[in-house]
């Protein structure tokens, strides 16, 4: 999917060490998609040397192209992932 990145998303990606390539991978191949009233959350579990993490990408799908609002990585997979892995 083609998308644009908000300044906030770019700032958070830089601060958290999340590349645009990772964001694209999560949006294109999510493990889950959660629809909220004004945005969709794309989620994907990733493994690194430090363990498993859930990458969450919040996208305003009503913008053209869709606008990534924010991005973050969390180790609290069971809190957010519907399958409670």
C-alpha atoms as a PDB file:
ATOM      1  CA  UNK A   1       0.000   0.000   0.000  1.00  0.00           C
ATOM      2  CA  UNK A   2       1.196   3.476  -0.759  1.00  0.00           C
ATOM      3  CA  UNK A   3       1.230   5.718   2.316  1.00  0.00           C
ATOM      4  CA  UNK A   4       2.715   8.920   3.671  1.00  0.00           C
ATOM      5  CA  UNK A   5       4.355   9.525   7.040  1.00  0.00           C
ATOM      6  CA  UNK A   6       3.352  12.311   9.415  1.00  0.00           C
ATOM      7  CA  UNK A   7       6.108  14.332  11.049  1.00  0.00           C
ATOM      8  CA  UNK A   8       5.162  12.731  14.373  1.00  0.00           C
ATOM      9  CA  UNK A   9       5.545   9.243  12.863  1.00  0.00           C
ATOM     10  CA  UNK A  10       8.950  10.174  11.415  1.00  0.00           C
ATOM     11  CA  UNK A  11      10.077  11.540  14.787  1.00  0.00           C
ATOM     12  CA  UNK A  12       8.909   8.407  16.611  1.00  0.00           C
ATOM     13  CA  UNK A  13      10.492   6.091  14.056  1.00  0.00           C
ATOM     14  CA  UNK A  14      13.807   7.901  14.449  1.00  0.00           C
ATOM     15  CA  UNK A  15      13.606   7.919  18.246  1.00  0.00           C
ATOM     16  CA  UNK A  16      12.631   4.246  18.409  1.00  0.00           C
ATOM     17  CA  UNK A  17      14.949   2.947  15.681  1.00  0.00           C
ATOM     18  CA  UNK A  18      12.166   1.726  13.390  1.00  0.00           C
ATOM     19  CA  UNK A  19      12.889   2.005   9.667  1.00  0.00           C
ATOM     20  CA  UNK A  20      10.447   2.904   6.912  1.00  0.00           C
ATOM     21  CA  UNK A  21      11.109  -0.571   5.500  1.00  0.00           C
ATOM     22  CA  UNK A  22       9.762  -2.120   8.724  1.00  0.00           C
ATOM     23  CA  UNK A  23       6.691   0.158   8.630  1.00  0.00           C
ATOM     24  CA  UNK A  24       6.024  -0.866   5.012  1.00  0.00           C
ATOM     25  CA  UNK A  25       6.384  -4.557   5.915  1.00  0.00           C
ATOM     26  CA  UNK A  26       3.899  -4.220   8.790  1.00  0.00           C
ATOM     27  CA  UNK A  27       1.359  -2.388   6.598  1.00  0.00           C
ATOM     28  CA  UNK A  28       1.752  -4.743   3.618  1.00  0.00           C
ATOM     29  CA  UNK A  29       1.873  -8.007   5.609  1.00  0.00           C
ATOM     30  CA  UNK A  30       0.228  -7.453   9.012  1.00  0.00           C
ATOM     31  CA  UNK A  31      -0.493 -10.266  11.460  1.00  0.00           C
ATOM     32  CA  UNK A  32      -3.557  -8.275  12.479  1.00  0.00           C
ATOM     33  CA  UNK A  33      -5.533  -5.250  11.391  1.00  0.00           C
ATOM     34  CA  UNK A  34      -7.679  -3.516  13.989  1.00  0.00           C
ATOM     35  CA  UNK A  35     -10.221  -0.990  12.746  1.00  0.00           C
ATOM     36  CA  UNK A  36     -11.041   1.951  14.979  1.00  0.00           C
ATOM     37  CA  UNK A  37     -13.329   4.879  14.216  1.00  0.00           C
ATOM     38  CA  UNK A  38     -10.699   7.206  12.698  1.00  0.00           C
ATOM     39  CA  UNK A  39      -7.738   4.927  12.029  1.00  0.00           C
ATOM     40  CA  UNK A  40      -6.562   1.366  11.488  1.00  0.00           C
ATOM     41  CA  UNK A  41      -3.843  -0.294  13.548  1.00  0.00           C
ATOM     42  CA  UNK A  42      -1.562  -2.663  11.652  1.00  0.00           C
ATOM     43  CA  UNK A  43       0.333  -5.093  13.899  1.00  0.00           C
ATOM     44  CA  UNK A  44       3.110  -7.582  13.300  1.00  0.00           C
ATOM     45  CA  UNK A  45       5.204  -9.674  15.671  1.00  0.00           C
ATOM     46  CA  UNK A  46       8.925  -9.406  14.970  1.00  0.00           C
ATOM     47  CA  UNK A  47      11.837 -11.240  16.574  1.00  0.00           C
ATOM     48  CA  UNK A  48      15.204  -9.698  17.325  1.00  0.00           C
ATOM     49  CA  UNK A  49      18.228 -10.540  19.431  1.00  0.00           C
ATOM     50  CA  UNK A  50      16.379  -9.020  22.408  1.00  0.00           C
ATOM     51  CA  UNK A  51      13.260 -11.188  21.949  1.00  0.00           C
ATOM     52  CA  UNK A  52       9.792 -10.894  20.434  1.00  0.00           C
ATOM     53  CA  UNK A  53       8.204  -7.508  19.888  1.00  0.00           C
ATOM     54  CA  UNK A  54       4.923  -6.271  18.489  1.00  0.00           C
ATOM     55  CA  UNK A  55       5.254  -3.433  15.983  1.00  0.00           C
ATOM     56  CA  UNK A  56       2.114  -1.259  15.925  1.00  0.00           C
ATOM     57  CA  UNK A  57       1.473   1.186  13.062  1.00  0.00           C
ATOM     58  CA  UNK A  58      -1.478   3.595  13.355  1.00  0.00           C
ATOM     59  CA  UNK A  59      -2.804   4.740   9.965  1.00  0.00           C
ATOM     60  CA  UNK A  60      -5.448   7.320   9.072  1.00  0.00           C
ATOM     61  CA  UNK A  61      -7.035   5.454   6.178  1.00  0.00           C
ATOM     62  CA  UNK A  62      -9.317   8.384   5.283  1.00  0.00           C
ATOM     63  CA  UNK A  63      -6.384  10.444   3.949  1.00  0.00           C
ATOM     64  CA  UNK A  64      -5.183  10.024   0.372  1.00  0.00           C
ATOM     65  CA  UNK A  65      -2.668   8.493   0.438  1.00  0.00           C
ATOM     66  CA  UNK A  66      -3.227   6.897   3.873  1.00  0.00           C
ATOM     67  CA  UNK A  67      -1.253   8.736   6.579  1.00  0.00           C
ATOM     68  CA  UNK A  68       0.855   6.923   9.172  1.00  0.00           C
ATOM     69  CA  UNK A  69       0.113   8.729  12.432  1.00  0.00           C
ATOM     70  CA  UNK A  70       2.536   6.970  14.769  1.00  0.00           C
ATOM     71  CA  UNK A  71       4.620   3.818  15.114  1.00  0.00           C
ATOM     72  CA  UNK A  72       5.988   1.960  18.098  1.00  0.00           C
ATOM     73  CA  UNK A  73       7.450  -1.331  19.257  1.00  0.00           C
ATOM     74  CA  UNK A  74       6.262  -3.053  22.450  1.00  0.00           C
ATOM     75  CA  UNK A  75       7.147  -6.221  24.321  1.00  0.00           C
ATOM     76  CA  UNK A  76       3.587  -6.317  25.725  1.00  0.00           C
ATOM     77  CA  UNK A  77       2.334  -8.612  22.984  1.00  0.00           C
ATOM     78  CA  UNK A  78      -0.399 -10.208  25.082  1.00  0.00           C
ATOM     79  CA  UNK A  79      -1.865  -6.788  25.901  1.00  0.00           C
ATOM     80  CA  UNK A  80      -2.463  -5.823  22.257  1.00  0.00           C
ATOM     81  CA  UNK A  81      -2.403  -8.958  20.093  1.00  0.00           C
ATOM     82  CA  UNK A  82      -5.791 -10.651  19.725  1.00  0.00           C
ATOM     83  CA  UNK A  83      -4.291 -14.152  19.655  1.00  0.00           C
ATOM     84  CA  UNK A  84      -2.401 -13.457  22.901  1.00  0.00           C
ATOM     85  CA  UNK A  85       0.784 -15.134  21.695  1.00  0.00           C
END
